[in-house]
């Protein structure tokens, strides 16, 4: 964190901010809630009401990739052409009416009802992973549990062999550098292109196979989905497969890692959850609020308007900091305290309005299974020999490495 004229300045490249952004978020809320970041050339919003305002789409647009891409005048335009081909079809980057159509079709593929039916399969996936974990030594929780569990669940859901996880994870990590707005990777555009090329080719083959031999998996349901407007196009199918895979494991991986860090830092709450396993539902909501996987959402100002005494101009970028809003003392009592029984808990981690996260029911169930079972089986779990290492991303948040002892 740097200072300019005694006001805090948001710079995501600052290592202290990456490790723990919350002190800076609190300063911004108090002193400069609608903050212009010179490092990002973007607005940074930190108060709950302002972030919720953005989530509802008032005065802003989620169609932010096309303006960014159209403004490119250098080699990045050619590098990113393949990435844009698919990301332009992702729900999170769509505005009505295109968003409405896609959402309606995908609601037939994943819903609270379909997730509820997956309960036994989700528990089986967790048990399978834990059988391979050596509980007699320090582990990297991210690599050995948090990355594998939600990935296996989404792979099973898509009908993709678990053995293909390793290359898929590499492609996803490369794509994340661009989607997550990494700040320290000079070659993020080239890597994102390569990841998108490989992932799209992989899913294109699977889609062709499902057309010939449909099954009960999510890809088959996407291929068959239709409404009065027709079916998903080939590029839309590929893009939706990529979104399901990326969104279906990256977000939950980060949630699981941050939740374990929160428990390690609050041993009384860890003991409380062990003693009261029925708290798991509210506990997951508190993990989502306290240090959630959605650090921010990016939008483009759609029309000139005033906010917090500042004039936001059409075409300017802004980042609504979800994790800051979730600790706004104007909305939450004792916001910096982890309270696994907190109620009400109207956090914004899954968004609000038309862009409310399609995968929220799945993420919640996976978190309940993983975190509930970990605490039940290993009440003495404790930190390993090193501090967590956090991912380089502006719109996501979670540990990259997390040494842990399961005991």
Protein backbone atom coordinates (compact mmCIF):
# COMPACT_ATOMS: atom_id res chain seq x y z
CA UNK A 1 0.00 0.00 0.00
CA UNK A 2 1.25 3.45 -0.91
CA UNK A 3 0.03 6.88 0.16
CA UNK A 4 -0.78 9.91 -1.99
CA UNK A 5 -1.70 13.19 -0.28
CA UNK A 6 -2.50 11.23 2.89
CA UNK A 7 -5.10 9.09 1.09
CA UNK A 8 -4.68 5.32 0.65
CA UNK A 9 -3.88 4.13 -2.87
CA UNK A 10 -4.89 0.69 -4.14
CA UNK A 11 -2.12 -1.17 -5.96
CA UNK A 12 -2.71 -4.94 -6.32
CA UNK A 13 0.98 -5.48 -7.10
CA UNK A 14 1.81 -4.61 -3.49
CA UNK A 15 2.72 -7.89 -1.76
CA UNK A 16 1.19 -6.82 1.56
CA UNK A 17 -2.09 -6.08 -0.20
CA UNK A 18 -2.05 -9.47 -1.88
CA UNK A 19 -1.52 -11.28 1.42
CA UNK A 20 -4.02 -9.25 3.43
CA UNK A 21 -6.02 -6.55 1.61
CA UNK A 22 -8.51 -5.92 4.41
CA UNK A 23 -6.71 -3.11 6.29
CA UNK A 24 -6.46 -1.18 3.03
CA UNK A 25 -10.10 -1.89 2.17
CA UNK A 26 -11.11 -0.47 5.55
CA UNK A 27 -9.08 2.67 4.94
CA UNK A 28 -10.63 3.14 1.52
CA UNK A 29 -14.14 2.68 2.92
CA UNK A 30 -13.51 5.41 5.48
CA UNK A 31 -11.50 7.88 3.40
CA UNK A 32 -12.05 7.29 -0.32
CA UNK A 33 -14.84 4.77 -0.99
CA UNK A 34 -15.02 5.64 -4.71
CA UNK A 35 -11.29 5.52 -5.35
CA UNK A 36 -9.34 6.06 -8.56
CA UNK A 37 -6.42 3.62 -8.76
CA UNK A 38 -3.57 5.05 -10.84
CA UNK A 39 -2.00 1.56 -11.00
CA UNK A 40 -5.10 0.07 -12.64
CA UNK A 41 -6.49 3.20 -14.29
CA UNK A 42 -9.80 2.08 -12.84
CA UNK A 43 -12.30 2.96 -10.14
CA UNK A 44 -12.21 0.89 -6.94
CA UNK A 45 -15.45 0.65 -4.94
CA UNK A 46 -15.34 -0.73 -1.40
CA UNK A 47 -18.62 0.05 0.41
CA UNK A 48 -21.42 -2.51 0.53
CA UNK A 49 -24.15 -0.29 -0.93
CA UNK A 50 -21.96 0.82 -3.85
CA UNK A 51 -20.84 -2.73 -4.64
CA UNK A 52 -24.42 -3.98 -4.49
CA UNK A 53 -25.40 -1.11 -6.80
CA UNK A 54 -22.83 -2.38 -9.33
CA UNK A 55 -23.95 -6.00 -8.93
CA UNK A 56 -27.45 -4.90 -9.91
CA UNK A 57 -26.04 -3.42 -13.12
CA UNK A 58 -27.09 0.17 -12.50
CA UNK A 59 -25.08 2.47 -14.75
CA UNK A 60 -22.54 -0.23 -15.62
CA UNK A 61 -22.13 -3.05 -18.13
CA UNK A 62 -20.79 -6.58 -17.72
CA UNK A 63 -19.80 -6.53 -21.42
CA UNK A 64 -16.31 -5.41 -20.56
CA UNK A 65 -14.11 -7.68 -22.68
CA UNK A 66 -15.15 -6.37 -26.07
CA UNK A 67 -14.33 -2.72 -25.26
CA UNK A 68 -10.97 -3.82 -23.85
CA UNK A 69 -10.20 -5.93 -26.91
CA UNK A 70 -11.44 -3.32 -29.40
CA UNK A 71 -9.12 -0.74 -27.84
CA UNK A 72 -6.01 -2.89 -28.32
CA UNK A 73 -3.68 -1.60 -31.03
CA UNK A 74 -0.62 -3.82 -30.51
CA UNK A 75 0.29 -7.51 -30.80
CA UNK A 76 -2.02 -8.37 -27.90
CA UNK A 77 -4.97 -8.07 -30.27
CA UNK A 78 -3.78 -11.02 -32.39
CA UNK A 79 -2.65 -13.00 -29.34
CA UNK A 80 -6.04 -12.72 -27.65
CA UNK A 81 -8.28 -13.28 -30.68
CA UNK A 82 -8.76 -16.99 -29.85
CA UNK A 83 -9.40 -16.25 -26.18
CA UNK A 84 -12.03 -13.66 -27.02
CA UNK A 85 -13.80 -16.09 -29.37
CA UNK A 86 -14.91 -18.11 -26.36
CA UNK A 87 -14.88 -15.72 -23.41
CA UNK A 88 -17.32 -13.43 -25.23
CA UNK A 89 -19.87 -16.25 -24.79
CA UNK A 90 -19.36 -16.58 -21.02
CA UNK A 91 -22.37 -15.57 -18.94
CA UNK A 92 -20.27 -13.37 -16.67
CA UNK A 93 -19.29 -11.18 -19.63
CA UNK A 94 -22.77 -10.99 -21.15
CA UNK A 95 -25.49 -8.38 -20.83
CA UNK A 96 -29.20 -8.80 -21.65
CA UNK A 97 -30.71 -9.93 -23.94
CA UNK A 98 -27.85 -12.36 -24.76
CA UNK A 99 -27.32 -13.09 -21.06
CA UNK A 100 -31.02 -13.85 -20.57
CA UNK A 101 -31.06 -16.41 -23.37
CA UNK A 102 -27.90 -18.20 -22.28
CA UNK A 103 -28.95 -18.25 -18.64
CA UNK A 104 -32.33 -19.72 -19.52
CA UNK A 105 -30.71 -22.55 -21.48
CA UNK A 106 -28.07 -23.29 -18.83
CA UNK A 107 -30.66 -23.34 -16.05
CA UNK A 108 -31.82 -26.62 -17.56
CA UNK A 109 -28.29 -28.03 -17.13
CA UNK A 110 -27.41 -26.99 -13.57
CA UNK A 111 -29.89 -26.06 -10.85
CA UNK A 112 -30.38 -26.55 -7.13
CA UNK A 113 -32.34 -29.72 -7.93
CA UNK A 114 -29.61 -31.25 -10.11
CA UNK A 115 -26.98 -30.40 -7.48
CA UNK A 116 -29.06 -32.01 -4.72
CA UNK A 117 -29.09 -35.23 -6.74
CA UNK A 118 -25.28 -35.10 -6.89
CA UNK A 119 -24.87 -35.27 -3.10
CA UNK A 120 -23.73 -38.93 -2.89
CA UNK A 121 -21.37 -38.52 -5.85
CA UNK A 122 -19.81 -35.42 -4.25
CA UNK A 123 -19.17 -37.32 -1.02
CA UNK A 124 -17.70 -40.23 -2.97
CA UNK A 125 -15.31 -37.83 -4.74
CA UNK A 126 -14.14 -36.43 -1.41
CA UNK A 127 -13.64 -39.88 0.12
CA UNK A 128 -11.68 -40.98 -2.95
CA UNK A 129 -9.31 -38.02 -2.64
CA UNK A 130 -8.80 -38.43 1.10
CA UNK A 131 -7.78 -42.07 0.62
CA UNK A 132 -4.72 -40.79 -1.23
CA UNK A 133 -3.73 -38.22 1.39
CA UNK A 134 -0.95 -39.18 3.81
CA UNK A 135 -2.24 -37.81 7.10
CA UNK A 136 1.00 -38.66 8.85
CA UNK A 137 2.92 -35.79 7.30
CA UNK A 138 2.59 -32.13 6.38
CA UNK A 139 0.68 -31.69 3.13
CA UNK A 140 0.02 -28.86 0.73
CA UNK A 141 -3.74 -28.68 1.23
CA UNK A 142 -4.23 -26.78 -2.02
CA UNK A 143 -2.45 -29.30 -4.22
CA UNK A 144 -3.58 -32.49 -2.50
CA UNK A 145 -7.19 -31.67 -1.59
CA UNK A 146 -8.57 -28.24 -2.54
CA UNK A 147 -7.59 -28.40 -6.22
CA UNK A 148 -8.59 -32.02 -6.74
CA UNK A 149 -11.95 -32.23 -4.98
CA UNK A 150 -14.01 -29.60 -6.87
CA UNK A 151 -12.20 -30.49 -10.10
CA UNK A 152 -13.17 -34.15 -9.82
CA UNK A 153 -16.77 -33.16 -9.05
CA UNK A 154 -17.05 -30.94 -12.13
CA UNK A 155 -15.23 -33.46 -14.32
CA UNK A 156 -17.65 -36.16 -13.22
CA UNK A 157 -20.54 -33.80 -13.89
CA UNK A 158 -19.27 -33.09 -17.41
CA UNK A 159 -18.49 -36.75 -18.07
CA UNK A 160 -14.76 -36.03 -18.44
CA UNK A 161 -12.24 -38.66 -17.28
CA UNK A 162 -10.54 -37.72 -14.01
CA UNK A 163 -7.23 -38.83 -15.51
CA UNK A 164 -7.37 -35.78 -17.79
CA UNK A 165 -7.26 -33.39 -14.83
CA UNK A 166 -3.52 -32.64 -14.99
CA UNK A 167 -3.44 -31.08 -18.49
CA UNK A 168 -6.85 -29.45 -17.94
CA UNK A 169 -5.57 -27.83 -14.74
CA UNK A 170 -2.54 -26.46 -16.59
CA UNK A 171 -4.78 -24.93 -19.27
CA UNK A 172 -7.08 -23.49 -16.60
CA UNK A 173 -4.16 -21.94 -14.72
CA UNK A 174 -2.95 -20.27 -17.91
CA UNK A 175 -6.42 -18.92 -18.65
CA UNK A 176 -6.75 -17.64 -15.08
CA UNK A 177 -3.85 -15.23 -15.60
CA UNK A 178 -6.00 -13.24 -18.02
CA UNK A 179 -9.43 -13.76 -16.46
CA UNK A 180 -8.14 -13.10 -12.95
CA UNK A 181 -6.25 -9.96 -14.02
CA UNK A 182 -2.88 -11.19 -12.77
CA UNK A 183 -0.49 -8.31 -12.09
CA UNK A 184 2.92 -9.98 -12.07
CA UNK A 185 2.93 -12.22 -15.18
CA UNK A 186 4.50 -10.59 -18.24
CA UNK A 187 3.45 -13.39 -20.62
CA UNK A 188 -0.11 -13.78 -19.33
CA UNK A 189 -1.70 -13.07 -22.72
CA UNK A 190 0.34 -15.69 -24.57
CA UNK A 191 -0.27 -18.28 -21.87
CA UNK A 192 -3.99 -17.48 -21.80
CA UNK A 193 -4.16 -17.96 -25.58
CA UNK A 194 -2.39 -21.31 -25.38
CA UNK A 195 -4.64 -22.47 -22.54
CA UNK A 196 -7.80 -21.40 -24.38
CA UNK A 197 -6.66 -23.08 -27.62
CA UNK A 198 -5.97 -26.40 -25.95
CA UNK A 199 -9.05 -26.39 -23.75
CA UNK A 200 -11.39 -25.44 -26.60
CA UNK A 201 -9.97 -28.14 -28.88
CA UNK A 202 -10.41 -30.72 -26.11
CA UNK A 203 -14.06 -29.81 -25.53
CA UNK A 204 -14.83 -29.58 -29.25
CA UNK A 205 -13.91 -33.27 -29.57
CA UNK A 206 -16.05 -34.19 -26.55
CA UNK A 207 -19.03 -32.27 -27.92
CA UNK A 208 -18.77 -34.12 -31.23
CA UNK A 209 -18.73 -37.41 -29.32
CA UNK A 210 -21.82 -36.42 -27.27
CA UNK A 211 -23.68 -35.52 -30.45
CA UNK A 212 -23.12 -39.09 -31.65
CA UNK A 213 -23.56 -40.76 -28.27
CA UNK A 214 -25.44 -38.56 -25.77
CA UNK A 215 -25.40 -39.58 -22.10
CA UNK A 216 -26.63 -38.24 -18.76
CA UNK A 217 -23.73 -35.80 -18.28
CA UNK A 218 -23.86 -32.00 -18.39
CA UNK A 219 -22.24 -31.77 -21.84
CA UNK A 220 -24.96 -33.99 -23.29
CA UNK A 221 -27.62 -31.83 -21.62
CA UNK A 222 -26.04 -28.69 -23.08
CA UNK A 223 -25.96 -30.25 -26.55
CA UNK A 224 -29.66 -31.12 -26.28
CA UNK A 225 -30.82 -27.90 -24.55
CA UNK A 226 -33.19 -25.75 -26.57
CA UNK A 227 -35.80 -23.06 -26.17
CA UNK A 228 -37.96 -21.01 -28.53
CA UNK A 229 -34.78 -19.30 -29.73
CA UNK A 230 -33.11 -22.55 -30.71
CA UNK A 231 -30.05 -24.41 -29.40
CA UNK A 232 -26.58 -23.39 -28.31
CA UNK A 233 -24.18 -22.79 -31.19
CA UNK A 234 -20.97 -24.77 -31.48
CA UNK A 235 -18.86 -21.92 -30.10
CA UNK A 236 -21.38 -21.34 -27.31
CA UNK A 237 -21.20 -25.03 -26.35
CA UNK A 238 -17.41 -24.94 -26.22
CA UNK A 239 -17.48 -21.70 -24.24
CA UNK A 240 -20.02 -23.08 -21.75
CA UNK A 241 -17.93 -26.20 -21.21
CA UNK A 242 -14.90 -24.00 -20.54
CA UNK A 243 -16.90 -21.82 -18.14
CA UNK A 244 -18.33 -24.81 -16.27
CA UNK A 245 -14.88 -26.29 -15.87
CA UNK A 246 -13.10 -23.05 -14.96
CA UNK A 247 -15.81 -21.60 -12.74
CA UNK A 248 -16.70 -24.99 -11.33
CA UNK A 249 -13.35 -25.69 -9.77
CA UNK A 250 -11.32 -22.46 -9.51
CA UNK A 251 -13.82 -20.66 -7.28
CA UNK A 252 -14.43 -23.58 -4.92
CA UNK A 253 -10.72 -24.37 -4.70
CA UNK A 254 -10.09 -20.82 -3.49
CA UNK A 255 -13.04 -20.97 -1.09
CA UNK A 256 -11.78 -24.17 0.53
CA UNK A 257 -8.25 -22.80 0.93
CA UNK A 258 -9.33 -19.48 2.42
CA UNK A 259 -11.78 -21.24 4.76
CA UNK A 260 -9.04 -23.48 6.14
CA UNK A 261 -6.79 -20.44 6.65
CA UNK A 262 -9.63 -18.73 8.54
CA UNK A 263 -10.09 -21.78 10.79
CA UNK A 264 -6.37 -21.96 11.48
CA UNK A 265 -6.38 -18.30 12.49
CA UNK A 266 -9.44 -18.81 14.73
CA UNK A 267 -8.93 -22.02 16.71
CA UNK A 268 -11.94 -21.29 18.92
CA UNK A 269 -14.18 -21.31 15.85
CA UNK A 270 -12.54 -24.53 14.67
CA UNK A 271 -13.33 -26.14 18.02
CA UNK A 272 -16.85 -24.73 17.86
CA UNK A 273 -17.52 -26.31 14.45
CA UNK A 274 -16.15 -29.64 15.66
CA UNK A 275 -18.45 -29.53 18.68
CA UNK A 276 -21.46 -28.31 16.67
CA UNK A 277 -21.34 -29.96 13.21
CA UNK A 278 -24.86 -28.70 12.47
CA UNK A 279 -23.30 -25.24 12.14
CA UNK A 280 -21.80 -26.20 8.79
CA UNK A 281 -24.47 -24.41 6.73
CA UNK A 282 -23.96 -21.05 8.43
CA UNK A 283 -20.22 -21.70 8.65
CA UNK A 284 -19.94 -21.95 4.86
CA UNK A 285 -21.83 -18.67 4.48
CA UNK A 286 -19.41 -17.05 6.92
CA UNK A 287 -16.38 -18.39 5.05
CA UNK A 288 -17.87 -16.94 1.87
CA UNK A 289 -18.25 -13.56 3.61
CA UNK A 290 -15.09 -13.43 5.69
CA UNK A 291 -12.51 -14.00 2.94
CA UNK A 292 -14.36 -15.12 -0.15
CA UNK A 293 -13.04 -16.42 -3.48
CA UNK A 294 -14.56 -13.53 -5.46
CA UNK A 295 -12.33 -10.63 -4.53
CA UNK A 296 -13.96 -8.27 -7.02
CA UNK A 297 -16.13 -8.01 -10.11
CA UNK A 298 -15.06 -5.90 -13.07
CA UNK A 299 -17.46 -3.70 -14.99
CA UNK A 300 -17.39 -0.87 -17.54
CA UNK A 301 -19.21 2.39 -16.85
CA UNK A 302 -22.13 2.42 -19.31
CA UNK A 303 -23.11 6.06 -18.88
CA UNK A 304 -21.81 9.09 -17.05
CA UNK A 305 -23.08 9.22 -13.49
CA UNK A 306 -22.19 10.44 -10.03
CA UNK A 307 -21.21 8.09 -7.23
CA UNK A 308 -19.80 9.08 -3.88
CA UNK A 309 -19.17 12.62 -5.06
CA UNK A 310 -17.13 11.42 -8.05
CA UNK A 311 -18.04 11.51 -11.73
CA UNK A 312 -17.73 8.12 -13.43
CA UNK A 313 -17.39 8.51 -17.20
CA UNK A 314 -18.76 6.12 -19.80
CA UNK A 315 -16.09 3.66 -20.90
CA UNK A 316 -14.07 3.78 -17.67
CA UNK A 317 -13.37 0.51 -15.87
CA UNK A 318 -14.30 -0.16 -12.30
CA UNK A 319 -13.72 -2.96 -9.83
CA UNK A 320 -16.39 -3.52 -7.20
CA UNK A 321 -14.49 -5.12 -4.33
CA UNK A 322 -16.74 -7.92 -3.09
CA UNK A 323 -14.44 -8.86 -0.21
CA UNK A 324 -14.35 -5.25 0.98
CA UNK A 325 -18.15 -4.97 0.86
CA UNK A 326 -18.48 -8.19 2.85
CA UNK A 327 -16.59 -6.54 5.72
CA UNK A 328 -18.22 -3.13 5.57
CA UNK A 329 -19.05 -2.10 9.17
CA UNK A 330 -21.93 -0.03 7.80
CA UNK A 331 -23.69 -3.29 6.98
CA UNK A 332 -22.14 -6.05 9.12
CA UNK A 333 -21.61 -5.93 12.87
CA UNK A 334 -18.06 -6.85 13.92
CA UNK A 335 -17.16 -7.47 10.27
CA UNK A 336 -13.56 -8.51 10.93
CA UNK A 337 -14.62 -11.26 13.33
CA UNK A 338 -15.14 -14.82 12.10
CA UNK A 339 -18.49 -15.93 13.52
CA UNK A 340 -19.59 -19.31 12.19
CA UNK A 341 -23.09 -18.77 13.56
CA UNK A 342 -23.55 -15.31 12.02
CA UNK A 343 -27.10 -14.52 11.02
CA UNK A 344 -28.28 -12.78 8.97
CA UNK A 345 -25.39 -13.01 6.53
CA UNK A 346 -26.28 -11.24 3.30
CA UNK A 347 -22.83 -11.36 1.72
CA UNK A 348 -22.31 -10.53 -1.95
CA UNK A 349 -19.83 -13.29 -2.80
CA UNK A 350 -22.08 -14.91 -5.38
CA UNK A 351 -23.18 -11.57 -6.76
CA UNK A 352 -26.65 -10.12 -6.88
CA UNK A 353 -29.38 -9.78 -9.49
CA UNK A 354 -29.18 -11.32 -12.96
CA UNK A 355 -25.51 -12.23 -12.57
CA UNK A 356 -26.00 -14.24 -9.37
CA UNK A 357 -23.58 -17.16 -9.68
CA UNK A 358 -25.10 -20.12 -11.53
CA UNK A 359 -22.81 -22.52 -9.66
CA UNK A 360 -23.60 -21.26 -6.15
CA UNK A 361 -25.55 -24.39 -5.07
CA UNK A 362 -22.69 -26.64 -6.19
CA UNK A 363 -20.00 -24.55 -4.48
CA UNK A 364 -22.00 -24.51 -1.24
CA UNK A 365 -22.52 -28.27 -1.23
CA UNK A 366 -18.86 -29.00 -1.99
CA UNK A 367 -17.76 -26.66 0.80
CA UNK A 368 -20.15 -28.26 3.28
CA UNK A 369 -18.88 -31.75 2.44
CA UNK A 370 -15.17 -30.92 2.40
CA UNK A 371 -14.97 -28.57 5.38
CA UNK A 372 -17.48 -30.50 7.47
CA UNK A 373 -15.63 -33.78 6.95
CA UNK A 374 -12.20 -32.23 7.54
CA UNK A 375 -13.22 -30.78 10.89
CA UNK A 376 -15.02 -33.97 11.93
CA UNK A 377 -12.12 -36.24 11.01
CA UNK A 378 -9.23 -33.98 12.00
CA UNK A 379 -10.23 -31.74 14.93
CA UNK A 380 -6.55 -31.11 15.65
CA UNK A 381 -5.65 -29.90 12.17
CA UNK A 382 -3.05 -27.15 12.40
CA UNK A 383 -0.81 -24.95 10.29
CA UNK A 384 2.28 -26.34 8.63
CA UNK A 385 5.80 -25.00 8.56
CA UNK A 386 5.24 -22.05 6.22
CA UNK A 387 2.80 -19.20 5.71
CA UNK A 388 0.23 -19.55 2.91
CA UNK A 389 1.22 -18.20 -0.50
CA UNK A 390 -1.60 -16.29 -2.22
CA UNK A 391 -2.48 -16.34 -5.93
CA UNK A 392 -1.70 -13.38 -8.17
CA UNK A 393 -5.19 -12.27 -9.18
CA UNK A 394 -7.31 -9.18 -8.78
CA UNK A 395 -10.80 -10.62 -9.30
CA UNK A 396 -10.11 -13.88 -7.42
CA UNK A 397 -8.62 -14.60 -4.03
CA UNK A 398 -7.27 -17.75 -2.44
CA UNK A 399 -4.08 -19.48 -1.35
CA UNK A 400 -1.76 -20.93 -3.94
CA UNK A 401 0.06 -23.04 -1.36
CA UNK A 402 -1.20 -23.96 2.09
CA UNK A 403 0.98 -26.19 4.31
CA UNK A 404 -1.30 -28.13 6.64
CA UNK A 405 -1.08 -30.97 9.18
CA UNK A 406 -4.18 -33.14 9.46
CA UNK A 407 -4.39 -34.46 13.02
